[in-house]
């Protein structure tokens, strides 16, 4: 079964939910705004995908951090894990875990290929 991670009230998430429902693909939703996100999961994402894929530097949450906070977050993996687990809205979304691996961001063509 697919597992999708993100925040419920996000336009990219809505597109993902709508398409998964249209394709009748069952999925489990993990709302990391309500449930949080554990560092072990984040560590797997960072190891498999890299920080450039996972960390959303274009979002307001990242931009609200001071330059010092941003530098500290990027200093090492432990700091980045702490930052992402504290500020889960900095994680690009959705993150979809499928049999083929992880898909970050909504891409209609890739989602349609899951069927």
PDB file of N, CA and C in Angstrom:
ATOM      1  N   UNK A   1       0.835  -1.180   0.000  1.00  0.00           N
ATOM      2  CA  UNK A   1       0.000   0.000   0.000  1.00  0.00           C
ATOM      3  C   UNK A   1       0.884   1.249   0.000  1.00  0.00           C
ATOM      4  N   UNK A   2       0.403   2.274  -0.655  1.00  0.00           N
ATOM      5  CA  UNK A   2       1.112   3.537  -0.700  1.00  0.00           C
ATOM      6  C   UNK A   2       0.987   4.248   0.645  1.00  0.00           C
ATOM      7  N   UNK A   3       2.006   5.011   0.974  1.00  0.00           N
ATOM      8  CA  UNK A   3       1.941   5.855   2.161  1.00  0.00           C
ATOM      9  C   UNK A   3       2.363   7.252   1.732  1.00  0.00           C
ATOM     10  N   UNK A   4       1.501   8.218   2.028  1.00  0.00           N
ATOM     11  CA  UNK A   4       1.777   9.593   1.621  1.00  0.00           C
ATOM     12  C   UNK A   4       1.939  10.458   2.867  1.00  0.00           C
ATOM     13  N   UNK A   5       2.993  11.248   2.846  1.00  0.00           N
ATOM     14  CA  UNK A   5       3.335  12.119   3.971  1.00  0.00           C
ATOM     15  C   UNK A   5       3.148  13.567   3.542  1.00  0.00           C
ATOM     16  N   UNK A   6       2.647  14.380   4.461  1.00  0.00           N
ATOM     17  CA  UNK A   6       2.516  15.791   4.170  1.00  0.00           C
ATOM     18  C   UNK A   6       1.614  16.491   5.155  1.00  0.00           C
ATOM     19  N   UNK A   7       1.053  17.589   4.697  1.00  0.00           N
ATOM     20  CA  UNK A   7       0.157  18.425   5.487  1.00  0.00           C
ATOM     21  C   UNK A   7      -1.168  18.488   4.742  1.00  0.00           C
ATOM     22  N   UNK A   8      -2.253  18.226   5.444  1.00  0.00           N
ATOM     23  CA  UNK A   8      -3.553  18.095   4.799  1.00  0.00           C
ATOM     24  C   UNK A   8      -3.949  19.319   3.961  1.00  0.00           C
ATOM     25  N   UNK A   9      -3.787  20.497   4.503  1.00  0.00           N
ATOM     26  CA  UNK A   9      -4.239  21.709   3.817  1.00  0.00           C
ATOM     27  C   UNK A   9      -3.150  22.318   2.946  1.00  0.00           C
ATOM     28  N   UNK A  10      -2.699  21.563   1.990  1.00  0.00           N
ATOM     29  CA  UNK A  10      -1.646  22.006   1.077  1.00  0.00           C
ATOM     30  C   UNK A  10      -2.143  21.719  -0.337  1.00  0.00           C
ATOM     31  N   UNK A  11      -1.968  22.661  -1.243  1.00  0.00           N
ATOM     32  CA  UNK A  11      -2.502  22.483  -2.600  1.00  0.00           C
ATOM     33  C   UNK A  11      -1.884  21.286  -3.320  1.00  0.00           C
ATOM     34  N   UNK A  12      -0.593  21.056  -3.129  1.00  0.00           N
ATOM     35  CA  UNK A  12       0.047  19.889  -3.761  1.00  0.00           C
ATOM     36  C   UNK A  12      -0.501  18.586  -3.184  1.00  0.00           C
ATOM     37  N   UNK A  13      -0.767  18.600  -1.892  1.00  0.00           N
ATOM     38  CA  UNK A  13      -1.335  17.410  -1.251  1.00  0.00           C
ATOM     39  C   UNK A  13      -2.733  17.142  -1.798  1.00  0.00           C
ATOM     40  N   UNK A  14      -3.521  18.192  -1.963  1.00  0.00           N
ATOM     41  CA  UNK A  14      -4.885  18.023  -2.472  1.00  0.00           C
ATOM     42  C   UNK A  14      -4.857  17.392  -3.863  1.00  0.00           C
ATOM     43  N   UNK A  15      -3.964  17.879  -4.717  1.00  0.00           N
ATOM     44  CA  UNK A  15      -3.825  17.299  -6.061  1.00  0.00           C
ATOM     45  C   UNK A  15      -3.461  15.820  -5.975  1.00  0.00           C
ATOM     46  N   UNK A  16      -2.533  15.497  -5.060  1.00  0.00           N
ATOM     47  CA  UNK A  16      -2.102  14.103  -4.898  1.00  0.00           C
ATOM     48  C   UNK A  16      -3.258  13.235  -4.413  1.00  0.00           C
ATOM     49  N   UNK A  17      -3.977  13.685  -3.386  1.00  0.00           N
ATOM     50  CA  UNK A  17      -5.125  12.923  -2.873  1.00  0.00           C
ATOM     51  C   UNK A  17      -6.166  12.708  -3.970  1.00  0.00           C
ATOM     52  N   UNK A  18      -6.492  13.787  -4.695  1.00  0.00           N
ATOM     53  CA  UNK A  18      -7.509  13.700  -5.742  1.00  0.00           C
ATOM     54  C   UNK A  18      -7.130  12.670  -6.800  1.00  0.00           C
ATOM     55  N   UNK A  19      -5.872  12.688  -7.224  1.00  0.00           N
ATOM     56  CA  UNK A  19      -5.447  11.756  -8.268  1.00  0.00           C
ATOM     57  C   UNK A  19      -5.382  10.323  -7.739  1.00  0.00           C
ATOM     58  N   UNK A  20      -4.876  10.137  -6.545  1.00  0.00           N
ATOM     59  CA  UNK A  20      -4.837   8.777  -5.977  1.00  0.00           C
ATOM     60  C   UNK A  20      -6.255   8.220  -5.851  1.00  0.00           C
ATOM     61  N   UNK A  21      -7.195   9.053  -5.434  1.00  0.00           N
ATOM     62  CA  UNK A  21      -8.589   8.619  -5.329  1.00  0.00           C
ATOM     63  C   UNK A  21      -9.173   8.319  -6.706  1.00  0.00           C
ATOM     64  N   UNK A  22      -8.883   9.183  -7.675  1.00  0.00           N
ATOM     65  CA  UNK A  22      -9.373   8.966  -9.049  1.00  0.00           C
ATOM     66  C   UNK A  22      -8.866   7.640  -9.603  1.00  0.00           C
ATOM     67  N   UNK A  23      -7.615   7.314  -9.289  1.00  0.00           N
ATOM     68  CA  UNK A  23      -7.002   6.078  -9.788  1.00  0.00           C
ATOM     69  C   UNK A  23      -7.360   4.864  -8.922  1.00  0.00           C
ATOM     70  N   UNK A  24      -8.146   5.090  -7.879  1.00  0.00           N
ATOM     71  CA  UNK A  24      -8.530   4.026  -6.941  1.00  0.00           C
ATOM     72  C   UNK A  24      -7.321   3.326  -6.336  1.00  0.00           C
ATOM     73  N   UNK A  25      -6.313   4.117  -6.028  1.00  0.00           N
ATOM     74  CA  UNK A  25      -5.118   3.576  -5.392  1.00  0.00           C
ATOM     75  C   UNK A  25      -5.239   3.788  -3.882  1.00  0.00           C
ATOM     76  N   UNK A  26      -5.286   2.710  -3.110  1.00  0.00           N
ATOM     77  CA  UNK A  26      -5.389   2.871  -1.655  1.00  0.00           C
ATOM     78  C   UNK A  26      -4.088   3.442  -1.090  1.00  0.00           C
ATOM     79  N   UNK A  27      -4.229   4.283  -0.085  1.00  0.00           N
ATOM     80  CA  UNK A  27      -3.058   4.879   0.536  1.00  0.00           C
ATOM     81  C   UNK A  27      -3.331   5.170   2.003  1.00  0.00           C
ATOM     82  N   UNK A  28      -2.243   5.257   2.735  1.00  0.00           N
ATOM     83  CA  UNK A  28      -2.290   5.676   4.130  1.00  0.00           C
ATOM     84  C   UNK A  28      -1.711   7.085   4.159  1.00  0.00           C
ATOM     85  N   UNK A  29      -2.343   7.985   4.898  1.00  0.00           N
ATOM     86  CA  UNK A  29      -1.873   9.367   4.984  1.00  0.00           C
ATOM     87  C   UNK A  29      -1.254   9.625   6.348  1.00  0.00           C
ATOM     88  N   UNK A  30      -0.041  10.160   6.339  1.00  0.00           N
ATOM     89  CA  UNK A  30       0.643  10.566   7.571  1.00  0.00           C
ATOM     90  C   UNK A  30       0.742  12.095   7.547  1.00  0.00           C
ATOM     91  N   UNK A  31      -0.046  12.727   8.388  1.00  0.00           N
ATOM     92  CA  UNK A  31      -0.064  14.189   8.488  1.00  0.00           C
ATOM     93  C   UNK A  31       0.993  14.604   9.503  1.00  0.00           C
ATOM     94  N   UNK A  32       2.139  15.072   8.997  1.00  0.00           N
ATOM     95  CA  UNK A  32       3.194  15.384   9.956  1.00  0.00           C
ATOM     96  C   UNK A  32       2.996  16.712  10.651  1.00  0.00           C
ATOM     97  N   UNK A  33       1.962  17.430  10.305  1.00  0.00           N
ATOM     98  CA  UNK A  33       1.610  18.620  11.079  1.00  0.00           C
ATOM     99  C   UNK A  33       0.923  18.189  12.376  1.00  0.00           C
ATOM    100  N   UNK A  34       0.111  17.135  12.298  1.00  0.00           N
ATOM    101  CA  UNK A  34      -0.605  16.628  13.473  1.00  0.00           C
ATOM    102  C   UNK A  34       0.177  15.549  14.214  1.00  0.00           C
ATOM    103  N   UNK A  35       0.825  14.661  13.451  1.00  0.00           N
ATOM    104  CA  UNK A  35       1.493  13.501  14.046  1.00  0.00           C
ATOM    105  C   UNK A  35       2.994  13.677  14.256  1.00  0.00           C
ATOM    106  N   UNK A  36       3.540  14.725  13.667  1.00  0.00           N
ATOM    107  CA  UNK A  36       4.987  14.893  13.706  1.00  0.00           C
ATOM    108  C   UNK A  36       5.654  13.934  12.734  1.00  0.00           C
ATOM    109  N   UNK A  37       6.948  13.987  12.693  1.00  0.00           N
ATOM    110  CA  UNK A  37       7.708  13.084  11.824  1.00  0.00           C
ATOM    111  C   UNK A  37       8.959  12.660  12.589  1.00  0.00           C
ATOM    112  N   UNK A  38       9.199  11.360  12.615  1.00  0.00           N
ATOM    113  CA  UNK A  38      10.324  10.876  13.418  1.00  0.00           C
ATOM    114  C   UNK A  38      11.643  11.026  12.657  1.00  0.00           C
ATOM    115  N   UNK A  39      12.689  11.156  13.418  1.00  0.00           N
ATOM    116  CA  UNK A  39      14.011  11.390  12.833  1.00  0.00           C
ATOM    117  C   UNK A  39      14.506  10.195  12.024  1.00  0.00           C
ATOM    118  N   UNK A  40      14.088   8.984  12.393  1.00  0.00           N
ATOM    119  CA  UNK A  40      14.511   7.806  11.628  1.00  0.00           C
ATOM    120  C   UNK A  40      13.973   7.857  10.204  1.00  0.00           C
ATOM    121  N   UNK A  41      12.703   8.241  10.063  1.00  0.00           N
ATOM    122  CA  UNK A  41      12.108   8.377   8.725  1.00  0.00           C
ATOM    123  C   UNK A  41      12.820   9.471   7.946  1.00  0.00           C
ATOM    124  N   UNK A  42      13.028  10.617   8.592  1.00  0.00           N
ATOM    125  CA  UNK A  42      13.730  11.724   7.934  1.00  0.00           C
ATOM    126  C   UNK A  42      15.132  11.312   7.499  1.00  0.00           C
ATOM    127  N   UNK A  43      15.799  10.544   8.339  1.00  0.00           N
ATOM    128  CA  UNK A  43      17.164  10.109   8.020  1.00  0.00           C
ATOM    129  C   UNK A  43      17.177   9.243   6.764  1.00  0.00           C
ATOM    130  N   UNK A  44      16.199   8.351   6.643  1.00  0.00           N
ATOM    131  CA  UNK A  44      16.096   7.510   5.440  1.00  0.00           C
ATOM    132  C   UNK A  44      15.887   8.399   4.211  1.00  0.00           C
ATOM    133  N   UNK A  45      14.979   9.361   4.331  1.00  0.00           N
ATOM    134  CA  UNK A  45      14.730  10.258   3.196  1.00  0.00           C
ATOM    135  C   UNK A  45      15.985  11.020   2.801  1.00  0.00           C
ATOM    136  N   UNK A  46      16.694  11.551   3.781  1.00  0.00           N
ATOM    137  CA  UNK A  46      17.910  12.312   3.479  1.00  0.00           C
ATOM    138  C   UNK A  46      18.986  11.424   2.864  1.00  0.00           C
ATOM    139  N   UNK A  47      19.115  10.193   3.366  1.00  0.00           N
ATOM    140  CA  UNK A  47      20.123   9.271   2.824  1.00  0.00           C
ATOM    141  C   UNK A  47      19.779   8.857   1.399  1.00  0.00           C
ATOM    142  N   UNK A  48      18.486   8.578   1.151  1.00  0.00           N
ATOM    143  CA  UNK A  48      18.096   8.086  -0.170  1.00  0.00           C
ATOM    144  C   UNK A  48      17.905   9.191  -1.209  1.00  0.00           C
ATOM    145  N   UNK A  49      17.469  10.372  -0.753  1.00  0.00           N
ATOM    146  CA  UNK A  49      17.096  11.424  -1.691  1.00  0.00           C
ATOM    147  C   UNK A  49      17.979  12.666  -1.630  1.00  0.00           C
ATOM    148  N   UNK A  50      18.575  12.916  -0.478  1.00  0.00           N
ATOM    149  CA  UNK A  50      19.427  14.094  -0.310  1.00  0.00           C
ATOM    150  C   UNK A  50      18.659  15.297   0.197  1.00  0.00           C
ATOM    151  N   UNK A  51      19.379  16.197   0.842  1.00  0.00           N
ATOM    152  CA  UNK A  51      18.731  17.355   1.451  1.00  0.00           C
ATOM    153  C   UNK A  51      18.116  18.297   0.425  1.00  0.00           C
ATOM    154  N   UNK A  52      18.678  18.377  -0.775  1.00  0.00           N
ATOM    155  CA  UNK A  52      18.121  19.282  -1.783  1.00  0.00           C
ATOM    156  C   UNK A  52      16.727  18.856  -2.225  1.00  0.00           C
ATOM    157  N   UNK A  53      16.448  17.565  -2.161  1.00  0.00           N
ATOM    158  CA  UNK A  53      15.130  17.059  -2.541  1.00  0.00           C
ATOM    159  C   UNK A  53      14.144  17.217  -1.384  1.00  0.00           C
ATOM    160  N   UNK A  54      14.600  17.048  -0.162  1.00  0.00           N
ATOM    161  CA  UNK A  54      13.717  17.036   1.010  1.00  0.00           C
ATOM    162  C   UNK A  54      13.470  18.427   1.589  1.00  0.00           C
ATOM    163  N   UNK A  55      14.496  19.245   1.695  1.00  0.00           N
ATOM    164  CA  UNK A  55      14.381  20.556   2.346  1.00  0.00           C
ATOM    165  C   UNK A  55      13.798  21.593   1.395  1.00  0.00           C
ATOM    166  N   UNK A  56      12.707  22.213   1.811  1.00  0.00           N
ATOM    167  CA  UNK A  56      12.057  23.263   1.025  1.00  0.00           C
ATOM    168  C   UNK A  56      12.596  24.623   1.467  1.00  0.00           C
ATOM    169  N   UNK A  57      13.562  25.125   0.708  1.00  0.00           N
ATOM    170  CA  UNK A  57      14.148  26.429   1.032  1.00  0.00           C
ATOM    171  C   UNK A  57      13.332  27.589   0.463  1.00  0.00           C
ATOM    172  N   UNK A  58      12.351  27.282  -0.350  1.00  0.00           N
ATOM    173  CA  UNK A  58      11.529  28.340  -0.953  1.00  0.00           C
ATOM    174  C   UNK A  58      10.347  28.731  -0.072  1.00  0.00           C
ATOM    175  N   UNK A  59      10.043  27.908   0.920  1.00  0.00           N
ATOM    176  CA  UNK A  59       8.893  28.150   1.779  1.00  0.00           C
ATOM    177  C   UNK A  59       9.132  29.235   2.812  1.00  0.00           C
ATOM    178  N   UNK A  60       8.042  29.757   3.346  1.00  0.00           N
ATOM    179  CA  UNK A  60       8.136  30.837   4.322  1.00  0.00           C
ATOM    180  C   UNK A  60       8.779  30.387   5.631  1.00  0.00           C
ATOM    181  N   UNK A  61       8.602  29.131   6.010  1.00  0.00           N
ATOM    182  CA  UNK A  61       9.181  28.668   7.277  1.00  0.00           C
ATOM    183  C   UNK A  61      10.704  28.762   7.232  1.00  0.00           C
ATOM    184  N   UNK A  62      11.309  28.319   6.138  1.00  0.00           N
ATOM    185  CA  UNK A  62      12.762  28.407   5.988  1.00  0.00           C
ATOM    186  C   UNK A  62      13.196  29.866   5.965  1.00  0.00           C
ATOM    187  N   UNK A  63      12.469  30.678   5.222  1.00  0.00           N
ATOM    188  CA  UNK A  63      12.845  32.088   5.074  1.00  0.00           C
ATOM    189  C   UNK A  63      12.709  32.867   6.379  1.00  0.00           C
ATOM    190  N   UNK A  64      11.865  32.390   7.278  1.00  0.00           N
ATOM    191  CA  UNK A  64      11.695  33.061   8.569  1.00  0.00           C
ATOM    192  C   UNK A  64      12.843  32.772   9.538  1.00  0.00           C
ATOM    193  N   UNK A  65      13.608  31.726   9.258  1.00  0.00           N
ATOM    194  CA  UNK A  65      14.770  31.438  10.100  1.00  0.00           C
ATOM    195  C   UNK A  65      15.844  32.493   9.853  1.00  0.00           C
ATOM    196  N   UNK A  66      16.577  32.818  10.895  1.00  0.00           N
ATOM    197  CA  UNK A  66      17.687  33.766  10.727  1.00  0.00           C
ATOM    198  C   UNK A  66      18.787  33.091   9.905  1.00  0.00           C
ATOM    199  N   UNK A  67      19.662  33.884   9.306  1.00  0.00           N
ATOM    200  CA  UNK A  67      20.789  33.283   8.573  1.00  0.00           C
ATOM    201  C   UNK A  67      21.611  32.340   9.455  1.00  0.00           C
ATOM    202  N   UNK A  68      21.728  32.672  10.742  1.00  0.00           N
ATOM    203  CA  UNK A  68      22.470  31.815  11.670  1.00  0.00           C
ATOM    204  C   UNK A  68      21.758  30.480  11.861  1.00  0.00           C
ATOM    205  N   UNK A  69      20.424  30.526  12.004  1.00  0.00           N
ATOM    206  CA  UNK A  69      19.648  29.287  12.164  1.00  0.00           C
ATOM    207  C   UNK A  69      19.742  28.430  10.906  1.00  0.00           C
ATOM    208  N   UNK A  70      19.684  29.068   9.749  1.00  0.00           N
ATOM    209  CA  UNK A  70      19.802  28.327   8.490  1.00  0.00           C
ATOM    210  C   UNK A  70      21.184  27.667   8.387  1.00  0.00           C
ATOM    211  N   UNK A  71      22.212  28.409   8.724  1.00  0.00           N
ATOM    212  CA  UNK A  71      23.576  27.865   8.655  1.00  0.00           C
ATOM    213  C   UNK A  71      23.735  26.693   9.621  1.00  0.00           C
ATOM    214  N   UNK A  72      23.186  26.835  10.817  1.00  0.00           N
ATOM    215  CA  UNK A  72      23.264  25.748  11.803  1.00  0.00           C
ATOM    216  C   UNK A  72      22.536  24.514  11.298  1.00  0.00           C
ATOM    217  N   UNK A  73      21.359  24.706  10.710  1.00  0.00           N
ATOM    218  CA  UNK A  73      20.585  23.576  10.190  1.00  0.00           C
ATOM    219  C   UNK A  73      21.365  22.810   9.122  1.00  0.00           C
ATOM    220  N   UNK A  74      22.114  23.529   8.309  1.00  0.00           N
ATOM    221  CA  UNK A  74      22.831  22.903   7.192  1.00  0.00           C
ATOM    222  C   UNK A  74      24.226  22.416   7.577  1.00  0.00           C
ATOM    223  N   UNK A  75      24.642  22.688   8.806  1.00  0.00           N
ATOM    224  CA  UNK A  75      25.982  22.328   9.272  1.00  0.00           C
ATOM    225  C   UNK A  75      26.262  20.832   9.213  1.00  0.00           C
ATOM    226  N   UNK A  76      25.259  20.025   9.628  1.00  0.00           N
ATOM    227  CA  UNK A  76      25.443  18.579   9.619  1.00  0.00           C
ATOM    228  C   UNK A  76      24.071  17.889   9.623  1.00  0.00           C
ATOM    229  N   UNK A  77      24.088  16.586   9.413  1.00  0.00           N
ATOM    230  CA  UNK A  77      22.839  15.821   9.305  1.00  0.00           C
ATOM    231  C   UNK A  77      22.022  15.879  10.586  1.00  0.00           C
ATOM    232  N   UNK A  78      22.670  15.767  11.743  1.00  0.00           N
ATOM    233  CA  UNK A  78      21.924  15.807  13.009  1.00  0.00           C
ATOM    234  C   UNK A  78      21.176  17.122  13.180  1.00  0.00           C
ATOM    235  N   UNK A  79      21.826  18.224  12.844  1.00  0.00           N
ATOM    236  CA  UNK A  79      21.163  19.531  12.948  1.00  0.00           C
ATOM    237  C   UNK A  79      19.993  19.626  11.976  1.00  0.00           C
ATOM    238  N   UNK A  80      20.181  19.111  10.768  1.00  0.00           N
ATOM    239  CA  UNK A  80      19.103  19.157   9.783  1.00  0.00           C
ATOM    240  C   UNK A  80      17.934  18.282  10.224  1.00  0.00           C
ATOM    241  N   UNK A  81      18.228  17.118  10.777  1.00  0.00           N
ATOM    242  CA  UNK A  81      17.161  16.245  11.292  1.00  0.00           C
ATOM    243  C   UNK A  81      16.377  16.947  12.398  1.00  0.00           C
ATOM    244  N   UNK A  82      17.070  17.608  13.267  1.00  0.00           N
ATOM    245  CA  UNK A  82      16.421  18.342  14.365  1.00  0.00           C
ATOM    246  C   UNK A  82      15.542  19.460  13.805  1.00  0.00           C
ATOM    247  N   UNK A  83      16.070  20.199  12.849  1.00  0.00           N
ATOM    248  CA  UNK A  83      15.319  21.306  12.252  1.00  0.00           C
ATOM    249  C   UNK A  83      14.070  20.801  11.539  1.00  0.00           C
ATOM    250  N   UNK A  84      14.216  19.746  10.731  1.00  0.00           N
ATOM    251  CA  UNK A  84      13.068  19.225   9.974  1.00  0.00           C
ATOM    252  C   UNK A  84      12.020  18.591  10.879  1.00  0.00           C
ATOM    253  N   UNK A  85      12.460  17.952  11.950  1.00  0.00           N
ATOM    254  CA  UNK A  85      11.476  17.355  12.856  1.00  0.00           C
ATOM    255  C   UNK A  85      10.760  18.434  13.668  1.00  0.00           C
ATOM    256  N   UNK A  86      11.436  19.539  13.923  1.00  0.00           N
ATOM    257  CA  UNK A  86      10.818  20.658  14.655  1.00  0.00           C
ATOM    258  C   UNK A  86       9.908  21.469  13.741  1.00  0.00           C
ATOM    259  N   UNK A  87      10.369  21.727  12.532  1.00  0.00           N
ATOM    260  CA  UNK A  87       9.623  22.534  11.555  1.00  0.00           C
ATOM    261  C   UNK A  87       9.255  21.660  10.355  1.00  0.00           C
ATOM    262  N   UNK A  88       8.283  20.780  10.535  1.00  0.00           N
ATOM    263  CA  UNK A  88       7.943  19.813   9.482  1.00  0.00           C
ATOM    264  C   UNK A  88       7.433  20.484   8.206  1.00  0.00           C
ATOM    265  N   UNK A  89       6.974  21.720   8.295  1.00  0.00           N
ATOM    266  CA  UNK A  89       6.512  22.393   7.075  1.00  0.00           C
ATOM    267  C   UNK A  89       7.674  22.733   6.139  1.00  0.00           C
ATOM    268  N   UNK A  90       8.908  22.525   6.575  1.00  0.00           N
ATOM    269  CA  UNK A  90      10.072  22.717   5.701  1.00  0.00           C
ATOM    270  C   UNK A  90      10.332  21.517   4.808  1.00  0.00           C
ATOM    271  N   UNK A  91       9.594  20.450   5.023  1.00  0.00           N
ATOM    272  CA  UNK A  91       9.777  19.256   4.202  1.00  0.00           C
ATOM    273  C   UNK A  91       8.941  19.418   2.938  1.00  0.00           C
ATOM    274  N   UNK A  92       9.576  19.220   1.793  1.00  0.00           N
ATOM    275  CA  UNK A  92       8.823  19.295   0.537  1.00  0.00           C
ATOM    276  C   UNK A  92       7.719  18.260   0.574  1.00  0.00           C
ATOM    277  N   UNK A  93       6.616  18.564  -0.090  1.00  0.00           N
ATOM    278  CA  UNK A  93       5.482  17.649  -0.056  1.00  0.00           C
ATOM    279  C   UNK A  93       4.758  17.627  -1.391  1.00  0.00           C
ATOM    280  N   UNK A  94       4.063  16.531  -1.556  1.00  0.00           N
ATOM    281  CA  UNK A  94       4.003  15.346  -0.709  1.00  0.00           C
ATOM    282  C   UNK A  94       5.248  14.472  -0.868  1.00  0.00           C
ATOM    283  N   UNK A  95       5.426  13.591   0.111  1.00  0.00           N
ATOM    284  CA  UNK A  95       6.410  12.513  -0.008  1.00  0.00           C
ATOM    285  C   UNK A  95       5.574  11.242  -0.090  1.00  0.00           C
ATOM    286  N   UNK A  96       5.655  10.569  -1.216  1.00  0.00           N
ATOM    287  CA  UNK A  96       4.885   9.348  -1.439  1.00  0.00           C
ATOM    288  C   UNK A  96       5.830   8.161  -1.433  1.00  0.00           C
ATOM    289  N   UNK A  97       5.535   7.188  -0.572  1.00  0.00           N
ATOM    290  CA  UNK A  97       6.341   5.967  -0.518  1.00  0.00           C
ATOM    291  C   UNK A  97       5.581   4.885  -1.274  1.00  0.00           C
ATOM    292  N   UNK A  98       6.177   4.436  -2.361  1.00  0.00           N
ATOM    293  CA  UNK A  98       5.556   3.402  -3.192  1.00  0.00           C
ATOM    294  C   UNK A  98       6.517   2.222  -3.294  1.00  0.00           C
ATOM    295  N   UNK A  99       6.085   1.187  -3.970  1.00  0.00           N
ATOM    296  CA  UNK A  99       6.945   0.014  -4.171  1.00  0.00           C
ATOM    297  C   UNK A  99       8.208   0.388  -4.944  1.00  0.00           C
ATOM    298  N   UNK A 100       8.121   1.437  -5.763  1.00  0.00           N
ATOM    299  CA  UNK A 100       9.271   1.879  -6.556  1.00  0.00           C
ATOM    300  C   UNK A 100      10.221   2.775  -5.765  1.00  0.00           C
ATOM    301  N   UNK A 101       9.825   3.179  -4.561  1.00  0.00           N
ATOM    302  CA  UNK A 101      10.666   4.067  -3.763  1.00  0.00           C
ATOM    303  C   UNK A 101       9.901   5.320  -3.374  1.00  0.00           C
ATOM    304  N   UNK A 102      10.635   6.401  -3.186  1.00  0.00           N
ATOM    305  CA  UNK A 102      10.031   7.660  -2.750  1.00  0.00           C
ATOM    306  C   UNK A 102       9.856   8.617  -3.924  1.00  0.00           C
ATOM    307  N   UNK A 103       8.713   9.288  -3.923  1.00  0.00           N
ATOM    308  CA  UNK A 103       8.421  10.319  -4.914  1.00  0.00           C
ATOM    309  C   UNK A 103       8.149  11.587  -4.113  1.00  0.00           C
ATOM    310  N   UNK A 104       8.927  12.635  -4.373  1.00  0.00           N
ATOM    311  CA  UNK A 104       8.771  13.886  -3.635  1.00  0.00           C
ATOM    312  C   UNK A 104       8.209  14.945  -4.572  1.00  0.00           C
ATOM    313  N   UNK A 105       7.163  15.610  -4.101  1.00  0.00           N
ATOM    314  CA  UNK A 105       6.471  16.594  -4.930  1.00  0.00           C
ATOM    315  C   UNK A 105       5.403  15.895  -5.750  1.00  0.00           C
ATOM    316  N   UNK A 106       4.445  16.668  -6.202  1.00  0.00           N
ATOM    317  CA  UNK A 106       3.366  16.079  -7.000  1.00  0.00           C
ATOM    318  C   UNK A 106       3.721  16.132  -8.478  1.00  0.00           C
ATOM    319  N   UNK A 107       3.724  14.973  -9.112  1.00  0.00           N
ATOM    320  CA  UNK A 107       3.968  14.856 -10.547  1.00  0.00           C
ATOM    321  C   UNK A 107       2.897  13.918 -11.098  1.00  0.00           C
ATOM    322  N   UNK A 108       1.923  14.489 -11.796  1.00  0.00           N
ATOM    323  CA  UNK A 108       0.772  13.707 -12.262  1.00  0.00           C
ATOM    324  C   UNK A 108       1.191  12.503 -13.085  1.00  0.00           C
ATOM    325  N   UNK A 109       2.162  12.681 -13.964  1.00  0.00           N
ATOM    326  CA  UNK A 109       2.591  11.582 -14.839  1.00  0.00           C
ATOM    327  C   UNK A 109       3.156  10.414 -14.021  1.00  0.00           C
ATOM    328  N   UNK A 110       3.984  10.730 -13.039  1.00  0.00           N
ATOM    329  CA  UNK A 110       4.559   9.668 -12.199  1.00  0.00           C
ATOM    330  C   UNK A 110       3.475   8.982 -11.385  1.00  0.00           C
ATOM    331  N   UNK A 111       2.550   9.768 -10.828  1.00  0.00           N
ATOM    332  CA  UNK A 111       1.466   9.176 -10.047  1.00  0.00           C
ATOM    333  C   UNK A 111       0.619   8.253 -10.916  1.00  0.00           C
ATOM    334  N   UNK A 112       0.340   8.670 -12.151  1.00  0.00           N
ATOM    335  CA  UNK A 112      -0.474   7.835 -13.044  1.00  0.00           C
ATOM    336  C   UNK A 112       0.240   6.528 -13.386  1.00  0.00           C
ATOM    337  N   UNK A 113       1.564   6.536 -13.384  1.00  0.00           N
ATOM    338  CA  UNK A 113       2.326   5.330 -13.703  1.00  0.00           C
ATOM    339  C   UNK A 113       2.275   4.301 -12.564  1.00  0.00           C
ATOM    340  N   UNK A 114       1.784   4.705 -11.403  1.00  0.00           N
ATOM    341  CA  UNK A 114       1.700   3.778 -10.267  1.00  0.00           C
ATOM    342  C   UNK A 114       0.606   2.758 -10.420  1.00  0.00           C
ATOM    343  N   UNK A 115      -0.357   3.033 -11.269  1.00  0.00           N
ATOM    344  CA  UNK A 115      -1.519   2.146 -11.414  1.00  0.00           C
ATOM    345  C   UNK A 115      -1.135   0.852 -12.084  1.00  0.00           C
TER     346      UNK A 115
END
